[in-house]
Protein backbone atom coordinates (compact mmCIF):
# COMPACT_ATOMS: atom_id res chain seq x y z
CA MET A 1 66.80 -30.16 9.77
CA ALA A 2 63.86 -27.72 9.55
CA ASN A 3 61.25 -27.69 12.28
CA ASP A 4 57.97 -29.28 11.11
CA ASN A 5 56.07 -26.60 13.05
CA ASN A 6 57.19 -24.02 10.48
CA LYS A 7 55.51 -25.86 7.62
CA GLY A 8 52.05 -24.70 6.48
CA PHE A 9 49.64 -22.43 8.34
CA ASN A 10 48.83 -22.95 11.98
CA THR A 11 45.09 -23.71 11.92
CA ASN A 12 44.92 -23.37 15.68
CA SER A 13 46.11 -19.78 15.71
CA ASN A 14 43.90 -16.73 16.26
CA VAL A 15 45.07 -15.25 12.97
CA TYR A 16 43.79 -18.30 11.07
CA THR A 17 40.43 -18.12 12.83
CA ILE A 18 40.03 -14.43 12.02
CA LEU A 19 41.04 -14.82 8.36
CA TYR A 20 38.73 -17.82 7.94
CA SER A 21 35.81 -15.87 9.44
CA VAL A 22 36.47 -12.85 7.23
CA ILE A 23 36.66 -14.96 4.07
CA LEU A 24 33.48 -16.82 5.03
CA VAL A 25 31.59 -13.56 5.63
CA VAL A 26 32.77 -12.12 2.30
CA VAL A 27 31.74 -15.26 0.39
CA VAL A 28 28.30 -15.39 2.04
CA ALA A 29 27.76 -11.66 1.41
CA PHE A 30 28.71 -12.11 -2.23
CA LEU A 31 26.31 -15.03 -2.63
CA LEU A 32 23.47 -13.13 -0.99
CA ALA A 33 24.08 -10.10 -3.20
CA PHE A 34 24.17 -12.33 -6.27
CA VAL A 35 20.90 -14.06 -5.34
CA TYR A 36 19.28 -10.68 -4.61
CA GLN A 37 20.25 -9.32 -8.02
CA VAL A 38 19.04 -12.47 -9.78
CA LEU A 39 15.66 -12.38 -8.00
CA LYS A 40 15.17 -8.60 -7.87
CA ASP A 41 13.28 -8.28 -11.15
CA ARG A 42 10.92 -11.08 -10.15
CA GLN A 43 10.42 -9.59 -6.68
CA ASP A 44 9.71 -6.15 -8.14
CA ALA A 45 7.20 -7.69 -10.57
CA ASN A 46 5.45 -9.51 -7.71
CA VAL A 47 5.24 -6.32 -5.65
CA ALA A 48 3.83 -4.41 -8.62
CA LEU A 49 1.27 -7.14 -9.32
CA ASP A 50 0.17 -7.15 -5.69
CA LYS A 51 -0.33 -3.39 -5.83
CA LYS A 52 -2.41 -3.73 -8.99
CA LYS A 53 -4.57 -6.37 -7.30
CA GLN A 54 -5.15 -4.10 -4.31
CA ILE A 55 -6.30 -1.29 -6.58
CA LEU A 56 -8.63 -3.72 -8.35
CA TYR A 57 -9.96 -4.96 -4.99
CA ALA A 58 -10.88 -1.37 -4.12
CA LEU A 59 -12.82 -1.30 -7.39
CA ASP A 60 -14.56 -4.52 -6.29
CA ILE A 61 -12.80 -6.55 -8.97
CA THR A 62 -11.70 -9.79 -7.34
CA GLY A 63 -11.21 -13.49 -8.01
CA LEU A 64 -8.76 -13.07 -10.90
CA THR A 65 -5.63 -15.04 -11.69
CA ASP A 66 -2.34 -13.16 -11.85
CA ASP A 67 -2.49 -12.86 -15.63
CA GLU A 68 -6.14 -11.82 -15.55
CA ALA A 69 -5.45 -9.22 -12.87
CA ALA A 70 -2.58 -7.69 -14.86
CA ALA A 71 -4.75 -7.49 -17.98
CA LYS A 72 -7.74 -6.11 -16.08
CA TYR A 73 -5.62 -3.44 -14.44
CA ASN A 74 -4.41 -2.28 -17.86
CA GLU A 75 -8.02 -2.22 -19.03
CA VAL A 76 -9.65 -0.23 -16.22
CA VAL A 77 -6.82 2.07 -15.04
CA LEU A 78 -6.52 4.81 -17.63
CA ARG A 79 -4.03 7.09 -15.89
CA ASP A 80 -1.86 7.15 -12.78
CA ASP A 81 -1.61 10.87 -12.16
CA VAL A 82 0.54 12.70 -9.64
CA LEU A 83 -0.83 15.72 -7.81
CA ASN A 84 0.14 17.73 -4.77
CA VAL A 85 -1.79 18.61 -1.64
CA GLY A 86 -2.82 21.85 -3.33
CA GLY A 87 -4.81 19.79 -5.83
CA VAL A 88 -2.49 20.73 -8.69
CA PHE A 89 -1.73 17.99 -11.22
CA GLU A 90 1.99 17.46 -11.69
CA THR A 91 1.61 14.59 -14.16
CA THR A 92 -1.43 13.85 -16.30
CA LYS A 93 0.06 11.86 -19.15
CA GLU A 94 -1.66 8.71 -20.31
CA GLY A 95 -0.31 5.60 -18.63
CA ASN A 96 -1.33 3.35 -15.79
CA GLU A 97 1.90 2.43 -14.01
CA ASN A 98 4.46 5.01 -15.01
CA HIS A 99 3.81 7.95 -12.71
CA GLY A 100 1.63 7.75 -9.61
CA PHE A 101 2.04 3.98 -9.53
CA LYS A 102 5.71 4.43 -8.67
CA LEU A 103 5.00 6.57 -5.60
CA ASN A 104 5.21 5.10 -2.10
CA SER A 105 4.41 6.10 1.48
CA ALA A 106 7.48 8.35 1.67
CA ASP A 107 6.33 10.31 -1.39
CA TYR A 108 2.86 10.49 0.15
CA LYS A 109 4.27 12.02 3.33
CA ASN A 110 6.21 14.52 1.23
CA GLY A 111 3.05 15.70 -0.52
CA GLN A 112 3.29 13.78 -3.79
CA LEU A 113 -0.08 12.08 -4.18
CA ALA A 114 -0.99 9.25 -6.52
CA LEU A 115 -4.37 9.39 -8.25
CA PHE A 116 -5.57 6.47 -10.36
CA VAL A 117 -8.20 7.46 -12.92
CA CYS A 118 -10.27 4.42 -13.82
CA LYS A 119 -13.21 3.41 -15.96
CA VAL A 120 -15.51 0.69 -14.62
CA ASP A 121 -18.64 -0.28 -16.55
CA GLY A 122 -18.46 3.00 -18.43
CA ALA A 123 -18.25 5.15 -15.28
CA THR A 124 -15.22 7.11 -14.06
CA LYS A 125 -13.77 6.12 -10.69
CA TYR A 126 -10.87 7.62 -8.79
CA VAL A 127 -8.64 5.46 -6.60
CA VAL A 128 -6.35 7.03 -3.99
CA PRO A 129 -3.87 5.38 -1.60
CA VAL A 130 -3.89 6.02 2.15
CA TYR A 131 -1.26 5.15 4.76
CA GLY A 132 -1.34 4.90 8.54
CA MET A 133 -0.38 2.92 11.64
CA GLY A 134 -2.19 0.02 13.25
CA LEU A 135 -1.57 -1.65 16.59
CA TRP A 136 1.55 -3.56 15.55
CA GLY A 137 2.77 -1.80 12.43
CA PRO A 138 1.97 0.12 9.25
CA ILE A 139 -1.43 -0.18 7.59
CA SER A 140 -2.44 1.06 4.17
CA GLY A 141 -5.31 1.01 1.76
CA PHE A 142 -6.89 2.15 -1.46
CA ILE A 143 -10.16 4.06 -1.57
CA ALA A 144 -12.19 4.05 -4.78
CA ILE A 145 -14.32 7.17 -5.21
CA ASN A 146 -17.27 7.68 -7.52
CA GLU A 147 -17.26 10.25 -10.31
CA ASP A 148 -19.15 12.67 -8.06
CA LYS A 149 -16.04 12.81 -5.84
CA GLN A 150 -18.35 12.69 -2.85
CA THR A 151 -19.08 9.02 -2.23
CA VAL A 152 -17.08 5.82 -1.82
CA TYR A 153 -17.28 3.19 -4.54
CA GLY A 154 -15.14 0.63 -2.70
CA ALA A 155 -12.24 0.14 -0.30
CA TYR A 156 -9.40 -2.25 0.35
CA PHE A 157 -7.11 -2.23 3.39
CA ASN A 158 -3.80 -3.95 4.03
CA HIS A 159 -1.46 -4.39 6.99
CA GLU A 160 2.01 -5.69 7.74
CA SER A 161 1.34 -7.33 11.10
CA GLU A 162 -2.00 -7.28 12.84
CA THR A 163 -3.54 -9.92 15.09
CA ALA A 164 -5.29 -12.69 13.16
CA GLY A 165 -9.05 -12.57 13.66
CA LEU A 166 -8.90 -9.09 15.20
CA GLY A 167 -6.93 -6.24 13.62
CA ALA A 168 -6.19 -8.43 10.61
CA GLU A 169 -9.91 -8.23 9.75
CA ILE A 170 -9.27 -4.90 8.04
CA LYS A 171 -7.55 -6.94 5.32
CA ASP A 172 -9.14 -10.37 5.61
CA SER A 173 -12.82 -9.42 5.86
CA LYS A 174 -14.34 -8.33 2.57
CA GLN A 175 -17.64 -8.05 4.41
CA TRP A 176 -16.16 -5.32 6.60
CA GLN A 177 -14.51 -3.56 3.66
CA ASP A 178 -17.82 -3.60 1.77
CA LYS A 179 -19.38 -1.50 4.55
CA PHE A 180 -17.58 1.51 3.09
CA LYS A 181 -19.48 1.32 -0.19
CA GLY A 182 -21.77 4.27 -0.71
CA LYS A 183 -20.51 6.20 2.33
CA LYS A 184 -20.19 9.95 2.03
CA ILE A 185 -16.70 11.40 2.21
CA PHE A 186 -17.56 14.86 3.57
CA ASP A 187 -19.76 16.01 6.43
CA VAL A 188 -22.04 19.07 6.33
CA SER A 189 -19.15 21.36 7.24
CA GLY A 190 -17.13 20.17 4.25
CA SER A 191 -14.57 18.31 6.35
CA VAL A 192 -13.68 14.65 5.81
CA GLY A 193 -16.35 12.71 7.69
CA LEU A 194 -15.61 9.21 6.43
CA GLY A 195 -14.26 7.14 9.26
CA VAL A 196 -14.48 4.20 11.63
CA ARG A 197 -16.25 4.48 14.96
CA LYS A 198 -16.86 2.18 17.90
CA VAL A 199 -20.26 3.84 18.22
CA VAL A 200 -21.61 4.95 14.85
CA LYS A 201 -23.49 8.24 15.04
CA GLN A 202 -23.49 9.15 11.36
CA PRO A 203 -24.25 5.95 9.42
CA ASP A 204 -24.05 7.70 6.07
CA MET A 205 -20.31 8.24 6.56
CA GLU A 206 -19.15 6.05 9.42
CA VAL A 207 -18.40 2.33 9.64
CA ASP A 208 -18.45 0.11 12.75
CA ALA A 209 -15.04 -0.56 14.26
CA VAL A 210 -13.67 -4.10 14.06
CA THR A 211 -14.74 -5.95 17.19
CA GLY A 212 -11.83 -6.47 19.58
CA ALA A 213 -9.47 -4.31 17.51
CA THR A 214 -10.04 -0.81 18.81
CA LEU A 215 -6.52 0.50 18.23
CA THR A 216 -6.33 -0.85 14.68
CA SER A 217 -9.79 0.58 13.95
CA ASP A 218 -8.62 3.93 15.34
CA GLY A 219 -5.63 3.67 13.02
CA VAL A 220 -7.91 3.16 10.01
CA HIS A 221 -10.02 6.13 11.10
CA SER A 222 -6.98 8.40 11.38
CA MET A 223 -5.63 7.07 8.09
CA LEU A 224 -8.87 7.96 6.28
CA GLN A 225 -9.13 11.38 7.88
CA GLU A 226 -5.54 12.34 7.14
CA GLY A 227 -5.25 10.56 3.82
CA LEU A 228 -8.45 11.82 2.21
CA GLY A 229 -7.73 15.22 3.75
CA LYS A 230 -4.72 15.45 1.44
CA TYR A 231 -7.05 15.09 -1.57
CA VAL A 232 -9.68 17.61 -0.46
CA LYS A 233 -8.79 20.28 -3.02
CA PHE A 234 -8.94 17.75 -5.83
CA LEU A 235 -12.19 16.21 -4.62
CA LYS A 236 -13.83 19.61 -4.23
CA GLY A 237 -12.39 21.00 -7.46
CA ASN A 238 -13.96 20.91 -10.90
CA LYS A 239 -11.20 18.99 -12.68
């Protein structure tokens, strides 16, 4: 008579436990990958829409629904050019989310610069992205520049994780962002003068730091200096 212990698989064995764990991990990984693929297009669309809204915010176009924002972006953004730090245009084809729109912070660090050419109330505006570091993580923004290439039309800043009510004010306070309107970009020496200071000495190009958020404010200052510095040859050129 056969021993009953030889029938079936021993669920108390280490081999069973290991196989069960491996199978469970594989199934969960498969499900997560499946869900990711199913939702990827929607996630990408949401990320793109958020980027469009940020560009519109820099142009002082706010209060729109998602559909309105998408339509308005297509209306005001004429081109999304790509240029390098030498001010040379690499892409100037018509289109508002096919070229520069696809660039990210890594491209920016590698010298590929996005330039959004816009038309607002019949006037040309240029919007450029800037990237930096705040107290707790990356910060970014879009700066809208008037046709003269010398003054700020508007600004919008974003962050991944700053303290609510302090560093987060760079994103949450439109009143603070509005302080950049009309500021000069360059000082008398021709260098980028636009920035954020705890003590403002040049009110035509400096904005008060966010109260209680010195390090984040310093991060915005550095971001503007470095970021706009990459666009100097374009801003001082004739094209």
